[in-house]
N, C-alpha and C. Protein backbone atom coordinates (compact mmCIF):
# COMPACT_ATOMS: atom_id res chain seq x y z
N MET A 1 18.75 -17.00 -12.30
CA MET A 1 19.90 -16.22 -12.70
C MET A 1 20.60 -15.70 -11.44
N ILE A 2 21.90 -15.91 -11.37
CA ILE A 2 22.71 -15.42 -10.25
C ILE A 2 23.72 -14.43 -10.81
N LEU A 3 23.70 -13.19 -10.24
CA LEU A 3 24.59 -12.14 -10.70
C LEU A 3 25.64 -11.88 -9.63
N ASN A 4 26.90 -12.09 -9.98
CA ASN A 4 28.01 -11.87 -9.06
C ASN A 4 28.81 -10.63 -9.47
N GLY A 5 29.76 -10.27 -8.64
CA GLY A 5 30.59 -9.11 -8.94
C GLY A 5 29.98 -7.82 -8.44
N ASP A 6 30.59 -6.71 -8.82
CA ASP A 6 30.15 -5.39 -8.38
C ASP A 6 29.03 -4.90 -9.29
N LEU A 7 27.82 -4.78 -8.72
CA LEU A 7 26.64 -4.36 -9.49
C LEU A 7 26.20 -2.95 -9.12
N ASN A 8 27.06 -2.19 -8.45
CA ASN A 8 26.67 -0.88 -7.95
C ASN A 8 26.33 0.11 -9.07
N ARG A 9 26.79 -0.12 -10.29
CA ARG A 9 26.48 0.76 -11.40
C ARG A 9 25.58 0.09 -12.43
N VAL A 10 25.00 -1.04 -12.07
CA VAL A 10 24.13 -1.76 -13.01
C VAL A 10 22.67 -1.39 -12.71
N LYS A 11 22.00 -0.85 -13.70
CA LYS A 11 20.63 -0.37 -13.55
C LYS A 11 19.64 -1.34 -14.21
N TYR A 12 18.38 -1.22 -13.82
CA TYR A 12 17.25 -1.91 -14.45
C TYR A 12 17.36 -3.43 -14.37
N ILE A 13 17.96 -3.97 -13.36
CA ILE A 13 17.99 -5.42 -13.19
C ILE A 13 16.57 -5.93 -12.96
N GLY A 14 16.13 -6.89 -13.75
CA GLY A 14 14.80 -7.45 -13.59
C GLY A 14 13.67 -6.53 -14.02
N CYS A 15 13.97 -5.49 -14.75
CA CYS A 15 12.92 -4.57 -15.19
C CYS A 15 11.94 -5.30 -16.11
N LYS A 16 10.67 -5.20 -15.82
CA LYS A 16 9.57 -5.79 -16.59
C LYS A 16 9.60 -7.32 -16.60
N MET A 17 10.28 -7.93 -15.66
CA MET A 17 10.29 -9.40 -15.63
C MET A 17 8.92 -9.93 -15.21
N SER A 18 8.55 -11.08 -15.75
CA SER A 18 7.24 -11.67 -15.47
C SER A 18 7.33 -13.03 -14.81
N ALA A 19 8.52 -13.63 -14.80
CA ALA A 19 8.70 -14.95 -14.19
C ALA A 19 10.19 -15.17 -13.95
N GLY A 20 10.49 -16.22 -13.18
CA GLY A 20 11.87 -16.57 -12.93
C GLY A 20 12.40 -15.99 -11.63
N ASN A 21 13.69 -16.21 -11.39
CA ASN A 21 14.33 -15.80 -10.15
C ASN A 21 15.68 -15.18 -10.43
N ILE A 22 15.96 -14.07 -9.76
CA ILE A 22 17.25 -13.39 -9.88
C ILE A 22 17.82 -13.20 -8.48
N ILE A 23 19.09 -13.55 -8.31
CA ILE A 23 19.82 -13.29 -7.06
C ILE A 23 20.99 -12.38 -7.39
N CYS A 24 21.06 -11.24 -6.72
CA CYS A 24 22.15 -10.29 -6.91
C CYS A 24 23.05 -10.34 -5.69
N ASN A 25 24.26 -10.79 -5.88
CA ASN A 25 25.19 -10.91 -4.76
C ASN A 25 26.01 -9.63 -4.56
N SER A 26 25.33 -8.52 -4.59
CA SER A 26 25.97 -7.21 -4.45
C SER A 26 24.88 -6.18 -4.30
N SER A 27 25.25 -4.98 -3.93
CA SER A 27 24.32 -3.85 -4.02
C SER A 27 24.08 -3.51 -5.49
N VAL A 28 22.94 -2.85 -5.76
CA VAL A 28 22.56 -2.59 -7.15
C VAL A 28 22.20 -1.12 -7.32
N ASP A 29 22.13 -0.72 -8.59
CA ASP A 29 21.83 0.68 -8.92
C ASP A 29 20.33 0.86 -9.13
N LEU A 30 19.95 1.89 -9.83
CA LEU A 30 18.56 2.33 -9.99
C LEU A 30 17.65 1.28 -10.62
N HIS A 31 16.37 1.35 -10.24
CA HIS A 31 15.26 0.68 -10.92
C HIS A 31 15.30 -0.85 -10.87
N VAL A 32 15.90 -1.43 -9.85
CA VAL A 32 15.83 -2.89 -9.75
C VAL A 32 14.38 -3.31 -9.58
N GLY A 33 13.93 -4.29 -10.37
CA GLY A 33 12.56 -4.78 -10.27
C GLY A 33 11.49 -3.83 -10.76
N ALA A 34 11.87 -2.78 -11.46
CA ALA A 34 10.88 -1.82 -11.95
C ALA A 34 9.91 -2.49 -12.91
N GLU A 35 8.64 -2.25 -12.71
CA GLU A 35 7.56 -2.75 -13.58
C GLU A 35 7.51 -4.28 -13.66
N MET A 36 8.06 -4.96 -12.69
CA MET A 36 7.98 -6.42 -12.72
C MET A 36 6.56 -6.86 -12.41
N SER A 37 6.15 -7.98 -13.01
CA SER A 37 4.80 -8.50 -12.81
C SER A 37 4.79 -9.91 -12.23
N GLY A 38 5.95 -10.53 -12.11
CA GLY A 38 6.03 -11.88 -11.56
C GLY A 38 7.46 -12.27 -11.30
N GLY A 39 7.65 -13.44 -10.68
CA GLY A 39 8.98 -13.89 -10.35
C GLY A 39 9.48 -13.29 -9.05
N SER A 40 10.77 -13.47 -8.78
CA SER A 40 11.35 -12.95 -7.54
C SER A 40 12.76 -12.44 -7.78
N ILE A 41 13.12 -11.40 -7.01
CA ILE A 41 14.46 -10.83 -7.06
C ILE A 41 14.95 -10.71 -5.62
N LEU A 42 16.15 -11.18 -5.36
CA LEU A 42 16.79 -11.04 -4.07
C LEU A 42 18.07 -10.25 -4.25
N VAL A 43 18.18 -9.12 -3.53
CA VAL A 43 19.37 -8.29 -3.57
C VAL A 43 20.10 -8.43 -2.25
N LYS A 44 21.29 -8.98 -2.29
CA LYS A 44 22.08 -9.17 -1.07
C LYS A 44 22.97 -7.96 -0.85
N GLY A 45 22.32 -6.84 -0.61
CA GLY A 45 23.00 -5.57 -0.43
C GLY A 45 21.98 -4.46 -0.44
N ASP A 46 22.41 -3.27 -0.83
CA ASP A 46 21.54 -2.11 -0.89
C ASP A 46 21.01 -1.91 -2.31
N ALA A 47 19.99 -1.06 -2.43
CA ALA A 47 19.43 -0.72 -3.73
C ALA A 47 19.30 0.79 -3.83
N ALA A 48 19.60 1.32 -5.01
CA ALA A 48 19.45 2.75 -5.24
C ALA A 48 17.98 3.09 -5.44
N ALA A 49 17.70 4.30 -5.88
CA ALA A 49 16.33 4.81 -5.96
C ALA A 49 15.47 4.01 -6.94
N HIS A 50 14.16 4.11 -6.72
CA HIS A 50 13.13 3.53 -7.60
C HIS A 50 13.14 2.00 -7.61
N ALA A 51 13.57 1.37 -6.54
CA ALA A 51 13.46 -0.10 -6.46
C ALA A 51 11.99 -0.49 -6.49
N GLY A 52 11.65 -1.46 -7.33
CA GLY A 52 10.26 -1.92 -7.42
C GLY A 52 9.31 -0.89 -7.98
N ARG A 53 9.81 0.06 -8.73
CA ARG A 53 8.96 1.12 -9.28
C ARG A 53 7.84 0.55 -10.13
N GLU A 54 6.60 0.91 -9.80
CA GLU A 54 5.42 0.55 -10.59
C GLU A 54 5.28 -0.96 -10.80
N MET A 55 5.77 -1.76 -9.87
CA MET A 55 5.63 -3.21 -10.04
C MET A 55 4.17 -3.62 -9.81
N SER A 56 3.73 -4.65 -10.53
CA SER A 56 2.35 -5.11 -10.44
C SER A 56 2.22 -6.52 -9.87
N GLY A 57 3.34 -7.20 -9.66
CA GLY A 57 3.33 -8.55 -9.12
C GLY A 57 4.74 -9.01 -8.84
N GLY A 58 4.84 -10.19 -8.26
CA GLY A 58 6.16 -10.72 -7.96
C GLY A 58 6.63 -10.34 -6.57
N TYR A 59 7.87 -10.69 -6.28
CA TYR A 59 8.44 -10.51 -4.95
C TYR A 59 9.84 -9.93 -5.08
N LEU A 60 10.07 -8.81 -4.43
CA LEU A 60 11.37 -8.15 -4.44
C LEU A 60 11.85 -8.00 -3.00
N GLU A 61 13.01 -8.56 -2.70
CA GLU A 61 13.59 -8.44 -1.37
C GLU A 61 14.96 -7.81 -1.46
N ILE A 62 15.16 -6.74 -0.69
CA ILE A 62 16.46 -6.08 -0.58
C ILE A 62 16.93 -6.26 0.85
N GLU A 63 18.05 -6.96 1.03
CA GLU A 63 18.50 -7.26 2.39
C GLU A 63 19.05 -6.04 3.10
N GLY A 64 19.52 -5.06 2.37
CA GLY A 64 20.08 -3.86 2.95
C GLY A 64 19.10 -2.70 2.93
N ASN A 65 19.61 -1.51 2.59
CA ASN A 65 18.81 -0.29 2.57
C ASN A 65 18.38 0.06 1.14
N THR A 66 17.32 0.84 1.05
CA THR A 66 16.93 1.40 -0.24
C THR A 66 16.93 2.92 -0.13
N LYS A 67 17.16 3.56 -1.26
CA LYS A 67 17.08 5.01 -1.29
C LYS A 67 15.64 5.43 -1.58
N GLU A 68 15.43 6.61 -2.11
CA GLU A 68 14.10 7.16 -2.25
C GLU A 68 13.25 6.43 -3.30
N PHE A 69 11.92 6.60 -3.15
CA PHE A 69 10.92 6.15 -4.13
C PHE A 69 10.83 4.64 -4.29
N THR A 70 11.00 3.89 -3.22
CA THR A 70 10.80 2.44 -3.28
C THR A 70 9.33 2.14 -3.52
N GLY A 71 9.03 1.33 -4.54
CA GLY A 71 7.65 0.97 -4.85
C GLY A 71 6.79 2.14 -5.28
N ALA A 72 7.40 3.19 -5.76
CA ALA A 72 6.69 4.42 -6.08
C ALA A 72 6.38 4.52 -7.58
N SER A 73 5.78 5.63 -7.95
CA SER A 73 5.57 5.93 -9.36
C SER A 73 6.83 6.59 -9.93
N TYR A 74 6.93 6.60 -11.25
CA TYR A 74 8.03 7.31 -11.88
C TYR A 74 7.68 8.79 -11.94
N ILE A 75 8.66 9.62 -12.16
CA ILE A 75 8.45 11.07 -12.18
C ILE A 75 7.41 11.45 -13.22
N GLY A 76 6.37 12.16 -12.77
CA GLY A 76 5.31 12.60 -13.67
C GLY A 76 4.13 11.65 -13.75
N GLU A 77 4.26 10.45 -13.16
CA GLU A 77 3.17 9.48 -13.17
C GLU A 77 2.42 9.54 -11.83
N TRP A 78 1.18 9.03 -11.82
CA TRP A 78 0.35 9.06 -10.63
C TRP A 78 -0.04 7.67 -10.16
N ARG A 79 0.55 6.64 -10.73
CA ARG A 79 0.27 5.28 -10.30
C ARG A 79 1.58 4.60 -10.00
N GLY A 80 1.74 4.21 -8.74
CA GLY A 80 2.96 3.52 -8.35
C GLY A 80 2.77 2.02 -8.38
N MET A 81 3.24 1.36 -7.36
CA MET A 81 3.11 -0.09 -7.25
C MET A 81 1.64 -0.48 -7.17
N THR A 82 1.23 -1.49 -7.95
CA THR A 82 -0.16 -1.94 -7.95
C THR A 82 -0.34 -3.35 -7.40
N GLY A 83 0.72 -4.10 -7.23
CA GLY A 83 0.61 -5.46 -6.73
C GLY A 83 1.99 -6.02 -6.42
N GLY A 84 2.00 -7.22 -5.85
CA GLY A 84 3.27 -7.83 -5.48
C GLY A 84 3.70 -7.43 -4.08
N GLN A 85 4.94 -7.76 -3.75
CA GLN A 85 5.45 -7.51 -2.40
C GLN A 85 6.90 -7.07 -2.46
N ILE A 86 7.21 -6.05 -1.66
CA ILE A 86 8.58 -5.58 -1.49
C ILE A 86 8.95 -5.71 -0.01
N VAL A 87 10.09 -6.29 0.27
CA VAL A 87 10.62 -6.39 1.63
C VAL A 87 11.99 -5.72 1.66
N VAL A 88 12.14 -4.75 2.56
CA VAL A 88 13.41 -4.05 2.73
C VAL A 88 13.96 -4.44 4.11
N GLY A 89 15.11 -5.09 4.12
CA GLY A 89 15.67 -5.54 5.38
C GLY A 89 16.25 -4.44 6.24
N GLY A 90 16.63 -3.33 5.61
CA GLY A 90 17.21 -2.20 6.33
C GLY A 90 16.28 -1.01 6.34
N ASN A 91 16.83 0.16 6.03
CA ASN A 91 16.07 1.40 6.04
C ASN A 91 15.64 1.78 4.64
N ALA A 92 14.56 2.58 4.56
CA ALA A 92 14.06 3.05 3.28
C ALA A 92 14.12 4.57 3.23
N GLY A 93 14.41 5.11 2.05
CA GLY A 93 14.50 6.55 1.88
C GLY A 93 13.15 7.22 1.76
N LYS A 94 13.17 8.47 1.38
CA LYS A 94 11.95 9.27 1.37
C LYS A 94 10.95 8.78 0.33
N GLN A 95 9.68 9.06 0.60
CA GLN A 95 8.56 8.78 -0.29
C GLN A 95 8.47 7.30 -0.71
N CYS A 96 8.73 6.44 0.24
CA CYS A 96 8.53 5.01 0.03
C CYS A 96 7.04 4.75 -0.20
N GLY A 97 6.70 4.03 -1.25
CA GLY A 97 5.30 3.74 -1.53
C GLY A 97 4.51 4.93 -2.05
N GLU A 98 5.16 5.90 -2.63
CA GLU A 98 4.45 7.04 -3.21
C GLU A 98 3.46 6.56 -4.28
N CYS A 99 2.24 7.07 -4.23
CA CYS A 99 1.19 6.70 -5.20
C CYS A 99 0.90 5.21 -5.21
N LEU A 100 1.09 4.54 -4.08
CA LEU A 100 0.81 3.11 -3.98
C LEU A 100 -0.67 2.85 -4.24
N THR A 101 -0.97 1.93 -5.15
CA THR A 101 -2.36 1.58 -5.46
C THR A 101 -2.64 0.10 -5.26
N GLY A 102 -1.73 -0.61 -4.64
CA GLY A 102 -1.92 -2.03 -4.36
C GLY A 102 -0.62 -2.67 -3.96
N GLY A 103 -0.73 -3.90 -3.46
CA GLY A 103 0.48 -4.60 -3.05
C GLY A 103 0.86 -4.29 -1.61
N ARG A 104 2.04 -4.75 -1.24
CA ARG A 104 2.50 -4.65 0.15
C ARG A 104 3.97 -4.31 0.19
N ILE A 105 4.32 -3.34 1.04
CA ILE A 105 5.71 -2.98 1.28
C ILE A 105 6.00 -3.16 2.76
N HIS A 106 7.06 -3.88 3.07
CA HIS A 106 7.45 -4.10 4.47
C HIS A 106 8.88 -3.61 4.64
N VAL A 107 9.05 -2.56 5.44
CA VAL A 107 10.36 -2.02 5.76
C VAL A 107 10.71 -2.45 7.18
N LYS A 108 11.80 -3.22 7.31
CA LYS A 108 12.15 -3.76 8.62
C LYS A 108 12.99 -2.79 9.45
N GLY A 109 13.48 -1.74 8.84
CA GLY A 109 14.22 -0.72 9.55
C GLY A 109 13.43 0.56 9.68
N ASP A 110 14.12 1.70 9.58
CA ASP A 110 13.49 3.01 9.67
C ASP A 110 13.09 3.51 8.29
N CYS A 111 12.25 4.55 8.28
CA CYS A 111 11.78 5.09 7.02
C CYS A 111 11.84 6.62 7.08
N ASP A 112 12.22 7.22 5.97
CA ASP A 112 12.33 8.67 5.89
C ASP A 112 10.96 9.31 5.65
N ILE A 113 10.93 10.57 5.33
CA ILE A 113 9.69 11.35 5.26
C ILE A 113 8.75 10.89 4.14
N LEU A 114 7.47 11.17 4.37
CA LEU A 114 6.41 11.05 3.36
C LEU A 114 6.22 9.63 2.82
N ALA A 115 6.35 8.64 3.66
CA ALA A 115 6.01 7.27 3.25
C ALA A 115 4.51 7.23 2.92
N GLY A 116 4.17 6.65 1.79
CA GLY A 116 2.77 6.49 1.42
C GLY A 116 2.08 7.75 0.95
N ILE A 117 2.83 8.77 0.55
CA ILE A 117 2.20 9.97 0.03
C ILE A 117 1.39 9.64 -1.22
N HIS A 118 0.21 10.17 -1.32
CA HIS A 118 -0.71 9.96 -2.45
C HIS A 118 -1.19 8.52 -2.58
N MET A 119 -1.02 7.67 -1.59
CA MET A 119 -1.44 6.28 -1.76
C MET A 119 -2.96 6.16 -1.76
N THR A 120 -3.48 5.19 -2.50
CA THR A 120 -4.91 4.97 -2.60
C THR A 120 -5.33 3.56 -2.22
N LYS A 121 -4.37 2.66 -2.06
CA LYS A 121 -4.68 1.28 -1.72
C LYS A 121 -3.39 0.60 -1.30
N GLY A 122 -3.51 -0.63 -0.76
CA GLY A 122 -2.33 -1.38 -0.37
C GLY A 122 -1.96 -1.15 1.07
N ILE A 123 -0.80 -1.68 1.46
CA ILE A 123 -0.36 -1.59 2.85
C ILE A 123 1.14 -1.37 2.90
N ILE A 124 1.55 -0.48 3.81
CA ILE A 124 2.95 -0.25 4.11
C ILE A 124 3.16 -0.56 5.58
N GLU A 125 4.06 -1.47 5.88
CA GLU A 125 4.39 -1.81 7.25
C GLU A 125 5.83 -1.42 7.52
N ILE A 126 6.04 -0.68 8.62
CA ILE A 126 7.38 -0.19 8.97
C ILE A 126 7.69 -0.63 10.40
N ASP A 127 8.73 -1.42 10.55
CA ASP A 127 9.09 -1.95 11.87
C ASP A 127 9.79 -0.91 12.74
N GLY A 128 10.56 -0.03 12.12
CA GLY A 128 11.35 0.93 12.86
C GLY A 128 10.67 2.28 13.02
N ASN A 129 11.48 3.31 13.15
CA ASN A 129 10.98 4.66 13.34
C ASN A 129 10.75 5.37 12.01
N VAL A 130 9.87 6.34 12.03
CA VAL A 130 9.57 7.13 10.84
C VAL A 130 9.86 8.59 11.15
N ASN A 131 10.57 9.23 10.26
CA ASN A 131 10.97 10.62 10.47
C ASN A 131 9.75 11.53 10.67
N ARG A 132 8.92 11.68 9.64
CA ARG A 132 7.73 12.51 9.76
C ARG A 132 6.85 12.37 8.53
N TRP A 133 5.60 12.76 8.72
CA TRP A 133 4.61 12.97 7.67
C TRP A 133 4.28 11.74 6.81
N PRO A 134 4.03 10.59 7.38
CA PRO A 134 3.56 9.47 6.54
C PRO A 134 2.13 9.70 6.10
N GLY A 135 1.78 9.20 4.91
CA GLY A 135 0.40 9.23 4.45
C GLY A 135 -0.10 10.57 3.95
N GLY A 136 0.78 11.49 3.64
CA GLY A 136 0.33 12.79 3.16
C GLY A 136 -0.53 12.65 1.90
N GLN A 137 -1.70 13.25 1.91
CA GLN A 137 -2.63 13.24 0.78
C GLN A 137 -3.05 11.82 0.39
N MET A 138 -3.02 10.90 1.33
CA MET A 138 -3.51 9.55 1.01
C MET A 138 -5.04 9.55 1.00
N LYS A 139 -5.61 8.75 0.11
CA LYS A 139 -7.07 8.64 0.00
C LYS A 139 -7.59 7.34 0.58
N ASN A 140 -6.76 6.32 0.59
CA ASN A 140 -7.16 5.03 1.14
C ASN A 140 -5.90 4.21 1.37
N GLY A 141 -6.08 2.98 1.85
CA GLY A 141 -4.95 2.13 2.14
C GLY A 141 -4.61 2.16 3.62
N ASN A 142 -3.53 1.46 3.98
CA ASN A 142 -3.16 1.29 5.38
C ASN A 142 -1.65 1.44 5.56
N ILE A 143 -1.27 2.17 6.62
CA ILE A 143 0.13 2.28 7.02
C ILE A 143 0.22 1.84 8.48
N VAL A 144 1.11 0.89 8.76
CA VAL A 144 1.30 0.39 10.12
C VAL A 144 2.73 0.68 10.53
N ILE A 145 2.90 1.42 11.64
CA ILE A 145 4.23 1.80 12.11
C ILE A 145 4.43 1.22 13.51
N HIS A 146 5.43 0.35 13.65
CA HIS A 146 5.70 -0.29 14.93
C HIS A 146 6.66 0.53 15.80
N GLY A 147 7.37 1.47 15.19
CA GLY A 147 8.30 2.30 15.92
C GLY A 147 7.72 3.67 16.24
N PHE A 148 8.61 4.62 16.47
CA PHE A 148 8.22 5.98 16.86
C PHE A 148 8.04 6.86 15.63
N LEU A 149 6.96 7.63 15.61
CA LEU A 149 6.72 8.60 14.55
C LEU A 149 7.11 9.99 15.05
N GLY A 150 8.03 10.64 14.33
CA GLY A 150 8.49 11.94 14.76
C GLY A 150 7.43 13.03 14.66
N ARG A 151 6.72 13.07 13.54
CA ARG A 151 5.72 14.12 13.37
C ARG A 151 4.59 13.62 12.48
N LEU A 152 3.37 13.87 12.94
CA LEU A 152 2.16 13.47 12.22
C LEU A 152 1.59 14.68 11.48
N LEU A 153 1.08 14.45 10.28
CA LEU A 153 0.44 15.53 9.55
C LEU A 153 -0.88 15.93 10.20
N GLU A 154 -1.24 17.20 10.05
CA GLU A 154 -2.46 17.71 10.67
C GLU A 154 -3.72 17.14 10.04
N GLY A 155 -3.60 16.54 8.85
CA GLY A 155 -4.77 16.02 8.16
C GLY A 155 -5.24 14.66 8.65
N PHE A 156 -4.69 14.17 9.77
CA PHE A 156 -5.10 12.87 10.31
C PHE A 156 -5.88 13.06 11.61
N VAL A 157 -7.01 12.38 11.70
CA VAL A 157 -7.92 12.49 12.84
C VAL A 157 -7.77 11.27 13.73
N LEU A 158 -7.60 11.51 15.01
CA LEU A 158 -7.47 10.42 15.96
C LEU A 158 -8.78 9.65 16.07
N ASP A 159 -8.70 8.32 15.85
CA ASP A 159 -9.90 7.48 15.86
C ASP A 159 -10.01 6.67 17.15
N GLY A 160 -8.90 6.53 17.90
CA GLY A 160 -8.95 5.80 19.15
C GLY A 160 -7.88 4.72 19.23
N ILE A 161 -8.04 3.85 20.22
CA ILE A 161 -7.12 2.73 20.43
C ILE A 161 -7.75 1.46 19.89
N VAL A 162 -6.98 0.69 19.15
CA VAL A 162 -7.46 -0.60 18.67
C VAL A 162 -6.50 -1.68 19.16
N VAL A 163 -7.03 -2.84 19.43
CA VAL A 163 -6.25 -3.97 19.95
C VAL A 163 -6.23 -5.07 18.91
N ASP A 164 -5.04 -5.56 18.60
CA ASP A 164 -4.85 -6.64 17.61
C ASP A 164 -5.61 -6.34 16.32
N PRO A 165 -5.35 -5.19 15.68
CA PRO A 165 -6.10 -4.86 14.47
C PRO A 165 -5.79 -5.83 13.32
N GLU A 166 -6.81 -6.12 12.56
CA GLU A 166 -6.63 -6.92 11.34
C GLU A 166 -6.62 -5.98 10.15
N VAL A 167 -5.53 -5.99 9.42
CA VAL A 167 -5.34 -5.07 8.31
C VAL A 167 -5.04 -5.88 7.06
N ASP A 168 -5.92 -5.81 6.09
CA ASP A 168 -5.74 -6.56 4.84
C ASP A 168 -5.46 -8.04 5.09
N GLY A 169 -6.19 -8.62 6.05
CA GLY A 169 -6.07 -10.03 6.33
C GLY A 169 -4.93 -10.41 7.24
N VAL A 170 -4.15 -9.44 7.72
CA VAL A 170 -3.03 -9.70 8.62
C VAL A 170 -3.35 -9.10 9.98
N THR A 171 -3.19 -9.90 11.04
CA THR A 171 -3.43 -9.42 12.40
C THR A 171 -2.13 -8.94 13.02
N PHE A 172 -2.15 -7.71 13.52
CA PHE A 172 -0.99 -7.13 14.20
C PHE A 172 -1.27 -7.13 15.70
N GLU A 173 -0.52 -7.91 16.44
CA GLU A 173 -0.78 -8.06 17.86
C GLU A 173 -0.32 -6.82 18.63
N GLY A 174 -1.12 -6.46 19.61
CA GLY A 174 -0.79 -5.33 20.46
C GLY A 174 -1.80 -4.21 20.34
N LYS A 175 -1.47 -3.09 20.98
CA LYS A 175 -2.36 -1.92 20.98
C LYS A 175 -1.78 -0.85 20.07
N TYR A 176 -2.67 -0.28 19.26
CA TYR A 176 -2.25 0.70 18.28
C TYR A 176 -3.15 1.93 18.35
N ILE A 177 -2.54 3.09 18.13
CA ILE A 177 -3.30 4.32 17.97
C ILE A 177 -3.72 4.39 16.50
N LYS A 178 -5.01 4.52 16.27
CA LYS A 178 -5.51 4.55 14.91
C LYS A 178 -5.93 5.97 14.53
N TYR A 179 -5.43 6.41 13.37
CA TYR A 179 -5.82 7.68 12.79
C TYR A 179 -6.44 7.42 11.41
N THR A 180 -7.30 8.33 10.97
CA THR A 180 -7.83 8.27 9.61
C THR A 180 -7.51 9.57 8.90
N GLY A 181 -7.36 9.50 7.57
CA GLY A 181 -7.04 10.69 6.80
C GLY A 181 -6.62 10.34 5.38
N ASP A 182 -6.14 11.20 4.65
CA ASP A 182 -5.90 12.59 4.93
C ASP A 182 -7.19 13.38 4.70
N ILE A 183 -7.73 14.02 5.77
CA ILE A 183 -9.03 14.67 5.66
C ILE A 183 -9.00 15.85 4.70
N GLY A 184 -7.82 16.35 4.36
CA GLY A 184 -7.72 17.41 3.39
C GLY A 184 -8.20 16.99 2.01
N LEU A 185 -8.19 15.67 1.76
CA LEU A 185 -8.68 15.12 0.50
C LEU A 185 -9.87 14.20 0.74
N ASN A 186 -10.54 14.37 1.89
CA ASN A 186 -11.62 13.46 2.27
C ASN A 186 -11.15 12.02 2.27
N GLY A 187 -9.89 11.82 2.64
CA GLY A 187 -9.30 10.49 2.61
C GLY A 187 -9.85 9.58 3.69
N LYS A 188 -9.88 8.29 3.36
CA LYS A 188 -10.34 7.26 4.29
C LYS A 188 -9.22 6.26 4.59
N GLY A 189 -8.00 6.72 4.48
CA GLY A 189 -6.87 5.86 4.80
C GLY A 189 -6.71 5.66 6.29
N ASN A 190 -6.00 4.61 6.66
CA ASN A 190 -5.78 4.28 8.07
C ASN A 190 -4.29 4.30 8.39
N LEU A 191 -3.97 4.94 9.50
CA LEU A 191 -2.60 4.98 9.99
C LEU A 191 -2.59 4.42 11.40
N TYR A 192 -1.81 3.34 11.61
CA TYR A 192 -1.73 2.68 12.91
C TYR A 192 -0.34 2.91 13.50
N LEU A 193 -0.30 3.46 14.72
CA LEU A 193 0.97 3.67 15.42
C LEU A 193 1.01 2.80 16.67
N ASP A 194 2.12 2.14 16.90
CA ASP A 194 2.28 1.35 18.11
C ASP A 194 2.06 2.25 19.33
N ALA A 195 1.13 1.85 20.21
CA ALA A 195 0.73 2.70 21.34
C ALA A 195 1.86 2.91 22.33
N GLU A 196 2.67 1.91 22.58
CA GLU A 196 3.76 2.04 23.54
C GLU A 196 4.83 2.99 23.03
N ALA A 197 5.17 2.85 21.76
CA ALA A 197 6.24 3.68 21.20
C ALA A 197 5.81 5.13 21.02
N ASN A 198 4.50 5.38 20.96
CA ASN A 198 4.00 6.72 20.66
C ASN A 198 3.03 7.25 21.72
N LYS A 199 3.19 6.79 22.96
CA LYS A 199 2.20 7.12 23.99
C LYS A 199 2.15 8.61 24.33
N GLU A 200 3.22 9.36 24.07
CA GLU A 200 3.18 10.79 24.38
C GLU A 200 2.20 11.54 23.48
N LYS A 201 1.87 10.97 22.32
CA LYS A 201 0.88 11.60 21.46
C LYS A 201 -0.50 11.56 22.09
N LEU A 202 -0.79 10.49 22.81
CA LEU A 202 -2.07 10.38 23.51
C LEU A 202 -2.07 11.22 24.78
N ALA A 203 -0.94 11.31 25.46
CA ALA A 203 -0.89 12.06 26.71
C ALA A 203 -1.26 13.52 26.52
N SER A 204 -1.02 14.05 25.31
CA SER A 204 -1.34 15.44 25.06
C SER A 204 -2.84 15.70 25.07
N TYR A 205 -3.64 14.63 24.94
CA TYR A 205 -5.09 14.79 25.01
C TYR A 205 -5.63 14.58 26.42
N GLY A 206 -4.77 14.20 27.37
CA GLY A 206 -5.20 14.03 28.75
C GLY A 206 -6.16 12.87 28.95
N GLU A 207 -6.08 11.86 28.09
CA GLU A 207 -7.04 10.75 28.19
C GLU A 207 -6.32 9.41 28.27
N LEU A 208 -5.11 9.40 28.76
CA LEU A 208 -4.29 8.18 28.75
C LEU A 208 -4.16 7.61 30.14
N ASP A 209 -4.41 6.32 30.28
CA ASP A 209 -4.10 5.65 31.53
C ASP A 209 -3.00 4.63 31.29
N ASP A 210 -2.65 3.87 32.30
CA ASP A 210 -1.50 2.97 32.18
C ASP A 210 -1.69 1.88 31.14
N GLU A 211 -2.92 1.54 30.83
CA GLU A 211 -3.17 0.47 29.87
C GLU A 211 -3.55 1.00 28.49
N TYR A 212 -3.54 2.32 28.32
CA TYR A 212 -3.85 2.94 27.03
C TYR A 212 -5.25 2.57 26.53
N THR A 213 -6.20 2.40 27.42
CA THR A 213 -7.53 1.95 27.00
C THR A 213 -8.61 2.97 27.25
N SER A 214 -8.33 4.06 27.97
CA SER A 214 -9.42 4.95 28.38
C SER A 214 -9.66 6.11 27.42
N ILE A 215 -8.91 6.15 26.33
CA ILE A 215 -9.04 7.29 25.43
C ILE A 215 -10.38 7.25 24.69
N ARG A 216 -11.03 8.39 24.61
CA ARG A 216 -12.26 8.48 23.84
C ARG A 216 -11.90 8.60 22.36
N GLU A 217 -12.91 8.46 21.50
CA GLU A 217 -12.70 8.76 20.08
C GLU A 217 -12.74 10.27 19.89
N TYR A 218 -11.76 10.77 19.12
CA TYR A 218 -11.71 12.19 18.86
C TYR A 218 -12.01 12.42 17.38
N ARG A 219 -12.78 13.43 17.10
CA ARG A 219 -13.14 13.75 15.73
C ARG A 219 -12.82 15.22 15.44
N ASN A 220 -12.51 15.51 14.20
CA ASN A 220 -12.36 16.88 13.72
C ASN A 220 -11.32 17.68 14.51
N LEU A 221 -10.20 17.03 14.79
CA LEU A 221 -9.13 17.74 15.51
C LEU A 221 -8.38 18.64 14.53
């Protein structure tokens, strides 16, 4: 199915779809791909809030930006995306991947606050910068940030430097600062920050050399 024309006020495109392909040649409104379990949706523009909400399978690609709650749960629910894949070519709004319990979200631009809040499984990969506070109250899962993180929550414990980490079967080349948390919930989630982009975070511990390899493991910070 190919949808042409102005779709900026069209909501629920591909909601609960289980198979097939949809191409949207415009930006779209709320809930594109919500609760989808299969098939693929390509949005050649931006998407409003709740893109890929509670999806369990399939592939959703937005070439532009998304607003808040991409791949998240709906208001009042505690289970967000459980499977499938979302790719955002631009930037993502706040609380991307909220209550994520499976699947994969890849944001190729920047991401606003609280990405991965309440997540329990799955992976969020962010190529650009993150405003602050990713992984708040996360219990498990993985967040990989290739850009600069503005502010880290206090509930994350520095675990050390890792090289070419393998996360959910995908190898990320380079050196990353690894944190675990959120310890406020006895969380065992992993947060990986690109070491070059975030080296000042290590310098504050006085354990950084030119190759970012001499840092000890820190616990209970």
